[in-house]
C-alpha atoms as a PDB file:
ATOM      1  CA  MET A   1       0.000   0.000   0.000  1.00  0.00           C
ATOM      2  CA  LEU A   2       1.140   3.521  -0.763  1.00  0.00           C
ATOM      3  CA  LYS A   3       2.437   5.447   2.258  1.00  0.00           C
ATOM      4  CA  VAL A   4       2.564   9.218   2.698  1.00  0.00           C
ATOM      5  CA  TRP A   5       4.679  10.976   5.324  1.00  0.00           C
ATOM      6  CA  GLY A   6       3.811  14.513   6.435  1.00  0.00           C
ATOM      7  CA  ARG A   7       1.464  16.615   8.543  1.00  0.00           C
ATOM      8  CA  PRO A   8      -1.863  17.218   6.774  1.00  0.00           C
ATOM      9  CA  ASN A   9      -1.816  21.007   7.274  1.00  0.00           C
ATOM     10  CA  ALA A  10       1.537  21.430   5.502  1.00  0.00           C
ATOM     11  CA  TYR A  11       1.259  23.147   2.113  1.00  0.00           C
ATOM     12  CA  ASN A  12       3.188  20.608   0.028  1.00  0.00           C
ATOM     13  CA  VAL A  13       1.699  17.632   1.856  1.00  0.00           C
ATOM     14  CA  GLN A  14      -1.805  18.916   1.104  1.00  0.00           C
ATOM     15  CA  LYS A  15      -0.882  19.083  -2.568  1.00  0.00           C
ATOM     16  CA  VAL A  16      -0.025  15.381  -2.575  1.00  0.00           C
ATOM     17  CA  LEU A  17      -2.984  14.265  -0.445  1.00  0.00           C
ATOM     18  CA  TRP A  18      -5.342  16.142  -2.751  1.00  0.00           C
ATOM     19  CA  PHE A  19      -4.078  14.349  -5.824  1.00  0.00           C
ATOM     20  CA  ILE A  20      -4.093  10.935  -4.158  1.00  0.00           C
ATOM     21  CA  HIS A  21      -7.770  11.435  -3.381  1.00  0.00           C
ATOM     22  CA  GLU A  22      -8.386  12.517  -6.977  1.00  0.00           C
ATOM     23  CA  LEU A  23      -6.852   9.203  -8.056  1.00  0.00           C
ATOM     24  CA  GLY A  24      -8.970   7.272  -5.557  1.00  0.00           C
ATOM     25  CA  ILE A  25      -6.149   4.984  -4.453  1.00  0.00           C
ATOM     26  CA  GLU A  26      -5.751   3.543  -0.978  1.00  0.00           C
ATOM     27  CA  PHE A  27      -2.881   4.816   1.137  1.00  0.00           C
ATOM     28  CA  GLU A  28      -1.530   4.981   4.657  1.00  0.00           C
ATOM     29  CA  HIS A  29      -0.899   8.450   6.057  1.00  0.00           C
ATOM     30  CA  ILE A  30       1.931   8.864   8.574  1.00  0.00           C
ATOM     31  CA  ASN A  31       1.595  12.188  10.394  1.00  0.00           C
ATOM     32  CA  ILE A  32       5.064  13.575  11.073  1.00  0.00           C
ATOM     33  CA  GLY A  33       6.608  17.018  11.161  1.00  0.00           C
ATOM     34  CA  SER A  34       6.289  20.055  13.430  1.00  0.00           C
ATOM     35  CA  VAL A  35       4.804  19.084  16.807  1.00  0.00           C
ATOM     36  CA  ALA A  36       4.590  15.464  15.699  1.00  0.00           C
ATOM     37  CA  GLY A  37       8.366  15.514  15.259  1.00  0.00           C
ATOM     38  CA  GLU A  38      10.396  12.656  13.784  1.00  0.00           C
ATOM     39  CA  LEU A  39      11.887  14.625  10.872  1.00  0.00           C
ATOM     40  CA  ASP A  40      15.356  14.767  12.387  1.00  0.00           C
ATOM     41  CA  THR A  41      15.675  11.047  13.007  1.00  0.00           C
ATOM     42  CA  GLU A  42      18.109   8.699  11.346  1.00  0.00           C
ATOM     43  CA  GLU A  43      15.190   6.658  10.050  1.00  0.00           C
ATOM     44  CA  PHE A  44      13.599   9.614   8.276  1.00  0.00           C
ATOM     45  CA  PHE A  45      16.875  10.881   6.812  1.00  0.00           C
ATOM     46  CA  ALA A  46      17.270   7.403   5.321  1.00  0.00           C
ATOM     47  CA  ILE A  47      14.171   7.953   3.164  1.00  0.00           C
ATOM     48  CA  ASN A  48      14.739  11.662   2.490  1.00  0.00           C
ATOM     49  CA  PRO A  49      18.262  13.026   2.999  1.00  0.00           C
ATOM     50  CA  HIS A  50      16.856  16.567   3.134  1.00  0.00           C
ATOM     51  CA  GLY A  51      14.634  15.767   6.125  1.00  0.00           C
ATOM     52  CA  ARG A  52      11.587  17.413   4.542  1.00  0.00           C
ATOM     53  CA  ILE A  53       7.974  16.415   3.940  1.00  0.00           C
ATOM     54  CA  PRO A  54       6.155  15.083   1.985  1.00  0.00           C
ATOM     55  CA  VAL A  55       7.641  11.701   1.168  1.00  0.00           C
ATOM     56  CA  ILE A  56       5.791   8.771  -0.347  1.00  0.00           C
ATOM     57  CA  GLN A  57       6.683   5.099  -0.369  1.00  0.00           C
ATOM     58  CA  ASP A  58       5.459   2.829  -3.135  1.00  0.00           C
ATOM     59  CA  ASP A  59       6.684  -0.725  -2.575  1.00  0.00           C
ATOM     60  CA  GLU A  60      10.428  -0.208  -1.970  1.00  0.00           C
ATOM     61  CA  LEU A  61      10.620   3.182  -3.698  1.00  0.00           C
ATOM     62  CA  HIS A  62      10.699   6.447  -1.771  1.00  0.00           C
ATOM     63  CA  VAL A  63       9.916   9.683  -3.605  1.00  0.00           C
ATOM     64  CA  TRP A  64      10.291  13.200  -2.202  1.00  0.00           C
ATOM     65  CA  GLU A  65       9.663  16.730  -3.541  1.00  0.00           C
ATOM     66  CA  SER A  66       5.943  17.390  -3.903  1.00  0.00           C
ATOM     67  CA  ASN A  67       5.759  18.123  -7.640  1.00  0.00           C
ATOM     68  CA  THR A  68       7.944  15.125  -8.425  1.00  0.00           C
ATOM     69  CA  ILE A  69       5.545  13.053  -6.329  1.00  0.00           C
ATOM     70  CA  LEU A  70       2.628  14.391  -8.387  1.00  0.00           C
ATOM     71  CA  ARG A  71       4.385  13.394 -11.612  1.00  0.00           C
ATOM     72  CA  TYR A  72       5.218   9.952 -10.252  1.00  0.00           C
ATOM     73  CA  LEU A  73       1.651   9.309  -9.111  1.00  0.00           C
ATOM     74  CA  ALA A  74       0.198  10.559 -12.392  1.00  0.00           C
ATOM     75  CA  SER A  75       2.483   8.379 -14.508  1.00  0.00           C
ATOM     76  CA  THR A  76       2.028   5.312 -12.281  1.00  0.00           C
ATOM     77  CA  TYR A  77      -1.642   5.457 -11.297  1.00  0.00           C
ATOM     78  CA  GLY A  78      -3.295   7.992 -13.560  1.00  0.00           C
ATOM     79  CA  LYS A  79      -2.111   7.329 -17.089  1.00  0.00           C
ATOM     80  CA  GLU A  80      -5.584   7.368 -18.580  1.00  0.00           C
ATOM     81  CA  LEU A  81      -6.466  10.768 -17.124  1.00  0.00           C
ATOM     82  CA  PHE A  82      -3.407  12.541 -15.804  1.00  0.00           C
ATOM     83  CA  TRP A  83      -0.268  11.458 -17.662  1.00  0.00           C
ATOM     84  CA  LEU A  84       0.274  12.766 -21.182  1.00  0.00           C
ATOM     85  CA  GLU A  85       2.697  10.814 -23.349  1.00  0.00           C
ATOM     86  CA  ASN A  86       2.992  13.594 -25.917  1.00  0.00           C
ATOM     87  CA  PRO A  87       5.884  15.809 -24.721  1.00  0.00           C
ATOM     88  CA  VAL A  88       4.264  18.939 -26.164  1.00  0.00           C
ATOM     89  CA  ASP A  89       1.056  18.360 -24.220  1.00  0.00           C
ATOM     90  CA  ARG A  90       2.978  17.354 -21.110  1.00  0.00           C
ATOM     91  CA  SER A  91       5.036  20.549 -21.279  1.00  0.00           C
ATOM     92  CA  ARG A  92       1.840  22.583 -20.852  1.00  0.00           C
ATOM     93  CA  VAL A  93       1.379  20.879 -17.499  1.00  0.00           C
ATOM     94  CA  GLU A  94       4.994  20.900 -16.368  1.00  0.00           C
ATOM     95  CA  ARG A  95       5.795  24.516 -17.196  1.00  0.00           C
ATOM     96  CA  TRP A  96       3.057  25.687 -14.823  1.00  0.00           C
ATOM     97  CA  MET A  97       4.213  23.230 -12.166  1.00  0.00           C
ATOM     98  CA  ASP A  98       7.713  24.678 -12.405  1.00  0.00           C
ATOM     99  CA  TRP A  99       6.292  28.204 -12.296  1.00  0.00           C
ATOM    100  CA  GLU A 100       4.474  27.281  -9.098  1.00  0.00           C
ATOM    101  CA  LEU A 101       7.711  26.135  -7.473  1.00  0.00           C
ATOM    102  CA  ALA A 102       9.869  28.984  -8.754  1.00  0.00           C
ATOM    103  CA  SER A 103       7.501  31.942  -8.414  1.00  0.00           C
ATOM    104  CA  LEU A 104       4.059  31.380  -6.931  1.00  0.00           C
ATOM    105  CA  GLN A 105       4.948  29.209  -3.937  1.00  0.00           C
ATOM    106  CA  PRO A 106       7.895  31.302  -2.635  1.00  0.00           C
ATOM    107  CA  ASP A 107       5.906  34.525  -2.921  1.00  0.00           C
ATOM    108  CA  PHE A 108       2.765  33.070  -1.356  1.00  0.00           C
ATOM    109  CA  LEU A 109       4.641  31.441   1.519  1.00  0.00           C
ATOM    110  CA  SER A 110       6.498  34.697   2.155  1.00  0.00           C
ATOM    111  CA  LEU A 111       3.143  36.449   2.464  1.00  0.00           C
ATOM    112  CA  PHE A 112       1.578  33.653   4.518  1.00  0.00           C
ATOM    113  CA  TRP A 113       4.463  33.612   6.988  1.00  0.00           C
ATOM    114  CA  SER A 114       4.974  37.369   7.246  1.00  0.00           C
ATOM    115  CA  TYR A 115       1.239  38.086   7.627  1.00  0.00           C
ATOM    116  CA  PHE A 116      -0.589  35.038   8.984  1.00  0.00           C
ATOM    117  CA  ARG A 117       2.109  33.048  10.772  1.00  0.00           C
ATOM    118  CA  THR A 118       3.749  36.081  12.429  1.00  0.00           C
ATOM    119  CA  PRO A 119       2.168  37.550  15.590  1.00  0.00           C
ATOM    120  CA  GLU A 120       0.599  40.898  14.786  1.00  0.00           C
ATOM    121  CA  ASN A 121       2.957  42.877  17.020  1.00  0.00           C
ATOM    122  CA  GLN A 122       5.973  41.381  15.221  1.00  0.00           C
ATOM    123  CA  ARG A 123       4.840  41.879  11.643  1.00  0.00           C
ATOM    124  CA  ASN A 124       7.043  43.697   9.158  1.00  0.00           C
ATOM    125  CA  ARG A 125       4.559  45.760   7.161  1.00  0.00           C
ATOM    126  CA  LYS A 126       7.075  46.581   4.447  1.00  0.00           C
ATOM    127  CA  LYS A 127       7.769  42.879   3.909  1.00  0.00           C
ATOM    128  CA  ILE A 128       4.043  42.077   3.884  1.00  0.00           C
ATOM    129  CA  LYS A 129       3.396  44.783   1.294  1.00  0.00           C
ATOM    130  CA  CYS A 130       6.222  43.524  -0.918  1.00  0.00           C
ATOM    131  CA  SER A 131       5.048  39.901  -0.673  1.00  0.00           C
ATOM    132  CA  MET A 132       1.473  40.925  -1.382  1.00  0.00           C
ATOM    133  CA  GLU A 133       2.518  42.832  -4.507  1.00  0.00           C
ATOM    134  CA  ARG A 134       4.502  39.856  -5.790  1.00  0.00           C
ATOM    135  CA  CYS A 135       1.522  37.561  -5.215  1.00  0.00           C
ATOM    136  CA  GLU A 136      -0.780  39.948  -7.036  1.00  0.00           C
ATOM    137  CA  LYS A 137       1.620  40.057  -9.968  1.00  0.00           C
ATOM    138  CA  ASN A 138       1.679  36.254 -10.133  1.00  0.00           C
ATOM    139  CA  LEU A 139      -2.092  36.034  -9.961  1.00  0.00           C
ATOM    140  CA  SER A 140      -2.466  38.641 -12.680  1.00  0.00           C
ATOM    141  CA  ILE A 141      -0.327  36.474 -14.964  1.00  0.00           C
ATOM    142  CA  LEU A 142      -2.481  33.459 -14.123  1.00  0.00           C
ATOM    143  CA  ASP A 143      -5.678  35.443 -14.638  1.00  0.00           C
ATOM    144  CA  VAL A 144      -4.671  36.405 -18.186  1.00  0.00           C
ATOM    145  CA  HIS A 145      -3.834  32.773 -18.932  1.00  0.00           C
ATOM    146  CA  LEU A 146      -7.130  31.496 -17.515  1.00  0.00           C
ATOM    147  CA  LYS A 147      -9.144  33.858 -19.695  1.00  0.00           C
ATOM    148  CA  ASN A 148      -8.974  31.259 -22.467  1.00  0.00           C
ATOM    149  CA  ASN A 149      -8.429  28.124 -20.371  1.00  0.00           C
ATOM    150  CA  LEU A 150     -10.777  26.330 -18.000  1.00  0.00           C
ATOM    151  CA  TYR A 151      -7.841  24.858 -16.099  1.00  0.00           C
ATOM    152  CA  VAL A 152      -4.175  25.690 -15.729  1.00  0.00           C
ATOM    153  CA  ALA A 153      -2.954  23.399 -18.509  1.00  0.00           C
ATOM    154  CA  GLY A 154      -5.946  23.793 -20.811  1.00  0.00           C
ATOM    155  CA  SER A 155      -9.459  22.382 -20.946  1.00  0.00           C
ATOM    156  CA  LYS A 156      -8.961  19.509 -18.463  1.00  0.00           C
ATOM    157  CA  PHE A 157      -8.037  19.249 -14.802  1.00  0.00           C
ATOM    158  CA  SER A 158      -4.409  18.151 -14.369  1.00  0.00           C
ATOM    159  CA  ILE A 159      -1.610  17.892 -11.831  1.00  0.00           C
ATOM    160  CA  ALA A 160      -0.759  21.493 -12.756  1.00  0.00           C
ATOM    161  CA  ASP A 161      -3.990  22.489 -11.000  1.00  0.00           C
ATOM    162  CA  CYS A 162      -2.924  20.527  -7.917  1.00  0.00           C
ATOM    163  CA  ALA A 163       0.431  22.275  -7.878  1.00  0.00           C
ATOM    164  CA  VAL A 164      -0.891  25.777  -8.504  1.00  0.00           C
ATOM    165  CA  GLY A 165      -4.239  25.527  -6.718  1.00  0.00           C
ATOM    166  CA  THR A 166      -3.123  24.399  -3.279  1.00  0.00           C
ATOM    167  CA  SER A 167      -2.390  27.908  -1.998  1.00  0.00           C
ATOM    168  CA  PHE A 168      -5.634  29.577  -3.003  1.00  0.00           C
ATOM    169  CA  TYR A 169      -7.908  28.528  -0.154  1.00  0.00           C
ATOM    170  CA  ARG A 170      -5.494  30.074   2.329  1.00  0.00           C
ATOM    171  CA  TYR A 171      -4.863  33.081   0.123  1.00  0.00           C
ATOM    172  CA  PHE A 172      -8.559  33.921  -0.072  1.00  0.00           C
ATOM    173  CA  ASN A 173      -9.291  33.156   3.595  1.00  0.00           C
ATOM    174  CA  MET A 174      -6.360  34.470   5.639  1.00  0.00           C
ATOM    175  CA  GLY A 175      -7.701  37.990   6.118  1.00  0.00           C
ATOM    176  CA  ILE A 176      -6.090  40.040   3.360  1.00  0.00           C
ATOM    177  CA  ASN A 177      -7.959  41.886   0.614  1.00  0.00           C
ATOM    178  CA  PRO A 178      -7.042  40.018  -2.569  1.00  0.00           C
ATOM    179  CA  PRO A 179      -7.452  41.672  -5.966  1.00  0.00           C
ATOM    180  CA  ILE A 180     -10.542  40.993  -8.057  1.00  0.00           C
ATOM    181  CA  LEU A 181      -9.390  38.604 -10.763  1.00  0.00           C
ATOM    182  CA  PRO A 182     -12.478  37.126 -12.452  1.00  0.00           C
ATOM    183  CA  ASN A 183     -10.785  34.304 -14.329  1.00  0.00           C
ATOM    184  CA  VAL A 184      -8.811  33.156 -11.280  1.00  0.00           C
ATOM    185  CA  HIS A 185     -11.989  33.235  -9.203  1.00  0.00           C
ATOM    186  CA  ARG A 186     -13.925  31.153 -11.742  1.00  0.00           C
ATOM    187  CA  TRP A 187     -11.106  28.602 -11.836  1.00  0.00           C
ATOM    188  CA  TYR A 188     -10.905  28.570  -8.034  1.00  0.00           C
ATOM    189  CA  GLN A 189     -14.642  27.880  -7.876  1.00  0.00           C
ATOM    190  CA  ARG A 190     -14.167  24.882 -10.170  1.00  0.00           C
ATOM    191  CA  LEU A 191     -11.515  23.559  -7.795  1.00  0.00           C
ATOM    192  CA  SER A 192     -13.725  24.272  -4.782  1.00  0.00           C
ATOM    193  CA  ASP A 193     -16.455  22.099  -6.260  1.00  0.00           C
ATOM    194  CA  ARG A 194     -14.153  19.065  -6.294  1.00  0.00           C
ATOM    195  CA  PRO A 195     -14.634  16.750  -3.264  1.00  0.00           C
ATOM    196  CA  ALA A 196     -10.905  16.001  -3.049  1.00  0.00           C
ATOM    197  CA  TYR A 197     -10.126  19.733  -2.857  1.00  0.00           C
ATOM    198  CA  GLN A 198     -12.745  20.224  -0.171  1.00  0.00           C
ATOM    199  CA  LYS A 199     -11.385  17.318   1.862  1.00  0.00           C
ATOM    200  CA  ASN A 200      -7.690  18.181   1.739  1.00  0.00           C
ATOM    201  CA  ILE A 201      -7.346  21.896   0.995  1.00  0.00           C
ATOM    202  CA  MET A 202     -10.484  23.623   2.279  1.00  0.00           C
ATOM    203  CA  VAL A 203      -9.732  22.797   5.897  1.00  0.00           C
ATOM    204  CA  PRO A 204      -9.338  25.104   8.924  1.00  0.00           C
ATOM    205  CA  PHE A 205      -5.866  26.557   9.439  1.00  0.00           C
ATOM    206  CA  ASP A 206      -6.493  28.859  12.412  1.00  0.00           C
ATOM    207  CA  GLU A 207      -4.061  26.825  14.513  1.00  0.00           C
ATOM    208  CA  LEU A 208      -1.226  28.268  12.415  1.00  0.00           C
ATOM    209  CA  LYS A 209      -2.095  31.918  13.080  1.00  0.00           C
ATOM    210  CA  GLY A 210       0.651  33.818  14.868  1.00  0.00           C
ATOM    211  CA  ARG A 211       2.703  30.665  15.418  1.00  0.00           C
ATOM    212  CA  LEU A 212       6.227  31.048  14.122  1.00  0.00           C
ATOM    213  CA  GLU A 213       7.434  27.956  15.920  1.00  0.00           C
ATOM    214  CA  PHE A 214       4.824  25.562  14.438  1.00  0.00           C
END
């Protein structure tokens, strides 16, 4: 049985759990990280030398890095729906996944940590403003793209949506005033209608507010 290591309220773990539920495959979830601990053990370093979550185990294989996990799961368990053999078609998915890692995720997490995870009396307003502007720039790029696309990689839901879409529930519900981007909002509503998104992404995160150590 597939195993997944990582706390369920961690951004990149949620990304993986969401897609596993989209695939409908059975798995065992091992809750580690943060207060659950166990990331700095010899046993965990043996399966991921970076000591980070998520990690999956499939038979004897261990895979880490969330977007690599998405690709592995799609090619192994979702070939009919989620893995495109044509490299041109697959590039439409992968370029947005790489954009998520290189641009969207760092800017969103900078905003999430500087605004939501930092106690109010310790917040750096200049840093928050800068992070917010970078996020708005990223979302404006996505909004233009989504004007002619139902989903991130085209007309069908893909692992690019899992990569890009994980941050949006927190972005829209953490207390900031996000810009009005009609195409992003329509796409987000499509994601919000998916049971797997509701189960794994649209979950309370109040326990993270003002907690730098968690």
